[in-house]
Amino acid sequence: MNARWEFRLLRLWHAALAGGFLVAYVTADEDTYAMHVFAGYWVVGAIALRLLLALAGSATGPLALPRPRLTWAKPGRNPLFAWMAAILAVGMAVAGVTGIAADLIPPLEDLHEGLAEASLWLVLAHAAIIAWIFQGRRVREMLKGAMPALLAIALLAAPAAFAADAAREAIKAGYAKQAGAGFAGFSAERGRALFESRNSASPDYASCTTCHTGDPTRYGQHAKTGRAIQPVAVSANPKRFTDAAKVEERFDRDCQTVLGRACTATEKGDYIAYMESK
């Protein structure tokens, strides 16, 4: 196989891997889980295909596997290319494999999500390195000039990582306001009763415990897709109930599914209060 065709195949493979990763990343939700699984298998398959293409190509052609080194060989490519390609391939492969394994071993879900997030940053770093190398001094000088501003933004954004409790309180305050003049506070006990209640709206989802199990501190499993669901209790999953839009979206969907009706503002606050108590 000549170098021209090898380069074309490499570009097609690169597009397939990038597209699969993008789809997998944006569909990582219960509502789009089937597409997420398909895209995950696609990514793992693409990386396996890359190994086969390396065997089919020439030893020094475009399809040869990257060989990271510490020295800059001339003539040759910047060694950052090989390092980034190797790290990206390994990171995406491990993220994909742990995602597949998480359906059988739920605790791997956290590792899978962490690797997926890390892979996204590696992709962005990969793009930045390419821009840095190929776009010349003008881009480098522009980025250097922007560094103080970027650092300031990062420092200002850092406290957001510690704002989960405040976010939950703000969400509950919103529900308290919606509850009206007769509101007398949220009740974790009422939230527990709602969580454990049995309903007839849907035979597949008779209760919240159908998917989340009777212990909200443990991993659950989606009744239809079989996907592992992270604990709903705040003590086991501090990220729960911190995104107002997602919280409302889940209540709108799950209340209709399990109860056959919309939840009241008080019920939503009670549910969160119960999960905070666990």
Protein backbone atom coordinates (compact mmCIF):
# COMPACT_ATOMS: atom_id res chain seq x y z
CA MET A 1 0.00 0.00 0.00
CA ASN A 2 1.51 3.34 -1.01
CA ALA A 3 1.82 6.31 1.33
CA ARG A 4 -0.91 8.28 -0.43
CA TRP A 5 -3.56 5.64 0.23
CA GLU A 6 -2.29 5.10 3.76
CA PHE A 7 -2.73 8.79 4.48
CA ARG A 8 -6.28 8.74 3.10
CA LEU A 9 -7.17 5.75 5.26
CA LEU A 10 -5.63 7.45 8.28
CA ARG A 11 -7.76 10.55 7.72
CA LEU A 12 -10.93 8.47 7.37
CA TRP A 13 -10.08 6.56 10.53
CA HIS A 14 -9.36 9.79 12.39
CA ALA A 15 -12.77 11.15 11.38
CA ALA A 16 -14.51 7.92 12.44
CA LEU A 17 -12.82 7.94 15.86
CA ALA A 18 -13.48 11.63 16.48
CA GLY A 19 -17.11 11.32 15.41
CA GLY A 20 -17.69 8.26 17.57
CA PHE A 21 -16.16 9.92 20.62
CA LEU A 22 -18.21 13.08 20.11
CA VAL A 23 -21.47 11.11 19.82
CA ALA A 24 -20.58 9.01 22.88
CA TYR A 25 -19.81 12.11 24.92
CA VAL A 26 -22.99 14.06 24.10
CA THR A 27 -25.30 11.03 24.52
CA ALA A 28 -24.10 10.06 28.01
CA ASP A 29 -27.58 10.28 29.51
CA GLU A 30 -30.30 7.78 30.35
CA ASP A 31 -32.57 9.10 27.59
CA THR A 32 -29.96 8.48 24.88
CA TYR A 33 -28.23 5.49 26.43
CA ALA A 34 -28.68 3.16 23.43
CA MET A 35 -26.85 5.61 21.16
CA HIS A 36 -24.20 6.12 23.85
CA VAL A 37 -23.55 2.36 23.99
CA PHE A 38 -23.39 2.10 20.20
CA ALA A 39 -20.94 5.01 19.98
CA GLY A 40 -18.82 3.50 22.77
CA TYR A 41 -18.50 0.21 20.91
CA TRP A 42 -17.73 2.22 17.76
CA VAL A 43 -14.80 3.95 19.50
CA VAL A 44 -13.39 0.68 20.84
CA GLY A 45 -13.83 -0.93 17.42
CA ALA A 46 -12.12 2.01 15.71
CA ILE A 47 -9.08 1.70 17.97
CA ALA A 48 -8.92 -2.05 17.30
CA LEU A 49 -9.14 -1.29 13.58
CA ARG A 50 -6.22 1.12 13.94
CA LEU A 51 -4.04 -1.75 15.13
CA LEU A 52 -5.05 -3.83 12.11
CA LEU A 53 -4.35 -0.92 9.74
CA ALA A 54 -0.87 -0.61 11.23
CA LEU A 55 -0.22 -4.24 10.32
CA ALA A 56 -1.48 -3.66 6.78
CA GLY A 57 0.56 -0.49 6.22
CA SER A 58 4.27 -0.01 5.76
CA ALA A 59 6.63 0.12 8.72
CA THR A 60 7.44 3.80 8.21
CA GLY A 61 4.27 5.02 6.45
CA PRO A 62 1.38 7.12 7.78
CA LEU A 63 -0.38 4.03 9.18
CA ALA A 64 2.58 3.01 11.35
CA LEU A 65 1.77 3.25 15.05
CA PRO A 66 3.12 6.33 16.83
CA ARG A 67 6.41 5.81 18.64
CA PRO A 68 6.79 8.41 21.39
CA ARG A 69 10.32 9.65 21.94
CA LEU A 70 12.03 12.36 23.93
CA THR A 71 14.28 13.66 21.17
CA TRP A 72 13.36 15.58 18.05
CA ALA A 73 14.60 13.60 15.07
CA LYS A 74 15.31 15.64 11.95
CA PRO A 75 13.87 15.36 9.44
CA GLY A 76 10.77 14.26 11.32
CA ARG A 77 7.61 15.30 13.09
CA ASN A 78 7.38 17.08 16.38
CA PRO A 79 7.58 14.39 19.13
CA LEU A 80 4.46 15.88 20.72
CA PHE A 81 2.40 14.32 17.91
CA ALA A 82 3.44 10.79 18.80
CA TRP A 83 2.97 11.32 22.53
CA MET A 84 -0.46 12.87 22.13
CA ALA A 85 -1.62 10.21 19.66
CA ALA A 86 -0.52 7.39 21.96
CA ILE A 87 -2.06 8.95 25.08
CA LEU A 88 -5.33 9.70 23.29
CA ALA A 89 -5.63 6.19 21.85
CA VAL A 90 -4.93 4.52 25.19
CA GLY A 91 -7.20 6.91 27.10
CA MET A 92 -10.14 6.45 24.73
CA ALA A 93 -9.65 2.69 24.63
CA VAL A 94 -9.65 2.37 28.42
CA ALA A 95 -12.64 4.73 28.68
CA GLY A 96 -14.55 2.59 26.19
CA VAL A 97 -13.64 -0.73 27.81
CA THR A 98 -14.54 0.49 31.32
CA GLY A 99 -17.86 1.77 29.95
CA ILE A 100 -18.64 -1.68 28.55
CA ALA A 101 -17.55 -3.36 31.78
CA ALA A 102 -19.56 -0.93 33.94
CA ASP A 103 -22.80 -2.66 32.94
CA LEU A 104 -21.48 -5.76 34.72
CA ILE A 105 -19.41 -4.00 37.41
CA PRO A 106 -21.32 -0.79 38.36
CA PRO A 107 -18.50 0.77 40.47
CA LEU A 108 -16.49 1.13 37.25
CA GLU A 109 -18.97 3.80 36.12
CA ASP A 110 -17.10 6.50 38.05
CA LEU A 111 -13.79 5.46 36.47
CA HIS A 112 -15.43 5.40 33.04
CA GLU A 113 -16.84 8.92 33.45
CA GLY A 114 -13.54 10.24 34.77
CA LEU A 115 -11.62 8.79 31.82
CA ALA A 116 -14.19 10.16 29.37
CA GLU A 117 -13.84 13.64 30.84
CA ALA A 118 -10.05 13.35 30.75
CA SER A 119 -10.21 12.20 27.12
CA LEU A 120 -12.21 15.28 26.20
CA TRP A 121 -9.52 17.53 27.66
CA LEU A 122 -6.86 15.51 25.84
CA VAL A 123 -8.73 16.05 22.57
CA LEU A 124 -8.83 19.80 23.23
CA ALA A 125 -5.13 19.76 24.14
CA HIS A 126 -4.40 17.85 20.94
CA ALA A 127 -6.15 20.53 18.88
CA ALA A 128 -4.35 23.28 20.79
CA ILE A 129 -0.95 21.68 20.19
CA ILE A 130 -1.63 21.41 16.46
CA ALA A 131 -2.64 25.07 16.35
CA TRP A 132 0.44 26.01 18.37
CA ILE A 133 2.81 24.17 16.04
CA PHE A 134 1.29 25.04 12.68
CA GLN A 135 -0.17 28.49 13.08
CA GLY A 136 3.12 30.16 13.83
CA ARG A 137 4.37 32.95 16.03
CA ARG A 138 1.25 35.12 15.75
CA VAL A 139 -0.98 32.57 17.50
CA ARG A 140 1.66 31.84 20.14
CA GLU A 141 2.06 35.53 20.92
CA MET A 142 -1.71 35.99 21.08
CA LEU A 143 -2.08 33.07 23.51
CA LYS A 144 0.80 34.31 25.64
CA GLY A 145 -0.87 37.70 25.88
CA ALA A 146 -4.14 36.06 26.90
CA MET A 147 -2.59 33.90 29.63
CA PRO A 148 -3.19 36.36 32.51
CA ALA A 149 -6.87 36.66 31.55
CA LEU A 150 -7.26 32.88 31.21
CA LEU A 151 -5.61 32.36 34.59
CA ALA A 152 -7.94 34.90 36.19
CA ILE A 153 -10.98 33.17 34.68
CA ALA A 154 -9.77 29.80 35.99
CA LEU A 155 -9.28 31.20 39.49
CA LEU A 156 -12.73 32.78 39.47
CA ALA A 157 -14.32 29.55 38.24
CA ALA A 158 -12.60 27.32 40.80
CA PRO A 159 -15.08 27.98 43.65
CA ALA A 160 -17.86 26.51 41.49
CA ALA A 161 -16.45 23.06 42.23
CA PHE A 162 -17.35 23.57 45.89
CA ALA A 163 -20.80 25.08 45.37
CA ALA A 164 -22.86 21.86 45.27
CA ASP A 165 -24.55 22.43 48.64
CA ALA A 166 -25.43 26.01 47.75
CA ALA A 167 -26.86 24.87 44.41
CA ARG A 168 -29.14 22.34 46.12
CA GLU A 169 -30.30 24.92 48.63
CA ALA A 170 -31.12 27.32 45.80
CA ILE A 171 -33.14 24.63 44.02
CA LYS A 172 -35.07 23.83 47.20
CA ALA A 173 -35.66 27.53 47.80
CA GLY A 174 -37.21 27.75 44.36
CA TYR A 175 -39.54 24.85 45.14
CA ALA A 176 -40.43 26.41 48.49
CA LYS A 177 -41.43 29.60 46.70
CA GLN A 178 -43.53 27.63 44.21
CA ALA A 179 -45.27 25.75 47.04
CA GLY A 180 -47.18 28.87 48.05
CA ALA A 181 -48.28 30.59 51.23
CA GLY A 182 -49.21 27.42 53.13
CA PHE A 183 -45.73 25.92 52.80
CA ALA A 184 -44.40 24.70 56.17
CA GLY A 185 -41.05 23.19 55.19
CA PHE A 186 -39.79 20.11 53.43
CA SER A 187 -39.89 16.68 55.04
CA ALA A 188 -37.32 13.93 54.51
CA GLU A 189 -39.88 11.44 55.83
CA ARG A 190 -42.42 12.44 53.19
CA GLY A 191 -39.63 12.20 50.63
CA ARG A 192 -38.89 8.64 51.77
CA ALA A 193 -42.56 7.72 51.45
CA LEU A 194 -42.63 9.13 47.91
CA PHE A 195 -39.44 7.27 46.99
CA GLU A 196 -40.77 3.93 48.28
CA SER A 197 -44.40 4.32 47.17
CA ARG A 198 -45.90 1.74 44.81
CA ASN A 199 -47.92 3.03 41.88
CA SER A 200 -49.92 1.63 38.97
CA ALA A 201 -49.18 4.26 36.31
CA SER A 202 -46.58 2.06 34.64
CA PRO A 203 -46.12 -1.70 35.17
CA ASP A 204 -42.44 -1.37 34.24
CA TYR A 205 -41.74 1.41 36.75
CA ALA A 206 -43.98 0.77 39.76
CA SER A 207 -41.71 2.71 42.10
CA CYS A 208 -38.56 4.81 42.23
CA THR A 209 -36.98 1.76 43.84
CA THR A 210 -37.52 -0.22 40.63
CA CYS A 211 -34.40 1.37 39.18
CA HIS A 212 -32.72 2.92 42.23
CA THR A 213 -33.22 -0.09 44.59
CA GLY A 214 -34.46 0.34 48.14
CA ASP A 215 -31.13 1.83 49.22
CA PRO A 216 -30.46 5.15 47.44
CA THR A 217 -26.81 5.08 48.54
CA ARG A 218 -26.16 2.11 46.25
CA TYR A 219 -25.88 1.87 42.49
CA GLY A 220 -29.13 1.17 40.69
CA GLN A 221 -29.93 -0.32 37.30
CA HIS A 222 -32.31 0.98 34.65
CA ALA A 223 -35.25 -1.41 34.40
CA LYS A 224 -35.27 -1.47 30.58
CA THR A 225 -31.78 -0.68 29.35
CA GLY A 226 -29.90 -2.40 32.17
CA ARG A 227 -27.61 0.59 32.46
CA ALA A 228 -25.93 1.22 35.80
CA ILE A 229 -27.35 4.30 37.56
CA GLN A 230 -25.23 6.23 40.02
CA PRO A 231 -26.51 6.49 43.61
CA VAL A 232 -29.24 9.06 44.06
CA ALA A 233 -28.32 9.82 47.69
CA VAL A 234 -26.24 12.96 48.13
CA SER A 235 -23.80 11.28 50.54
CA ALA A 236 -22.86 8.75 47.87
CA ASN A 237 -23.10 11.11 44.90
CA PRO A 238 -22.50 14.79 45.82
CA LYS A 239 -23.28 15.92 42.25
CA ARG A 240 -26.95 14.99 42.64
CA PHE A 241 -29.48 17.85 42.56
CA THR A 242 -26.98 20.58 41.68
CA ASP A 243 -28.10 21.42 38.13
CA ALA A 244 -31.52 23.08 38.30
CA ALA A 245 -32.40 22.43 34.65
CA LYS A 246 -31.53 18.74 34.86
CA VAL A 247 -33.28 18.32 38.20
CA GLU A 248 -36.49 19.76 36.78
CA GLU A 249 -36.15 17.71 33.59
CA ARG A 250 -35.77 14.48 35.58
CA PHE A 251 -38.71 15.29 37.85
CA ASP A 252 -40.90 16.10 34.84
CA ARG A 253 -40.03 12.81 33.18
CA ASP A 254 -39.85 10.46 36.15
CA CYS A 255 -42.93 11.72 37.99
CA GLN A 256 -45.03 11.13 34.89
CA THR A 257 -43.45 7.71 34.39
CA VAL A 258 -43.78 6.44 37.96
CA LEU A 259 -46.76 8.39 39.34
CA GLY A 260 -48.65 9.11 36.13
CA ARG A 261 -48.78 12.80 37.02
CA ALA A 262 -46.55 15.80 37.67
CA CYS A 263 -44.96 16.10 41.11
CA THR A 264 -45.84 19.11 43.21
CA ALA A 265 -43.15 21.57 44.26
CA THR A 266 -43.42 20.27 47.83
CA GLU A 267 -42.94 16.66 46.70
CA LYS A 268 -39.84 17.64 44.75
CA GLY A 269 -38.35 19.40 47.76
CA ASP A 270 -39.28 16.48 50.04
CA TYR A 271 -37.56 14.06 47.68
CA ILE A 272 -34.36 16.12 47.66
CA ALA A 273 -34.51 16.48 51.45
CA TYR A 274 -34.72 12.71 51.83
CA MET A 275 -31.77 12.15 49.52
CA GLU A 276 -29.77 14.75 51.46
CA SER A 277 -30.49 12.83 54.66
CA LYS A 278 -29.13 9.55 53.31
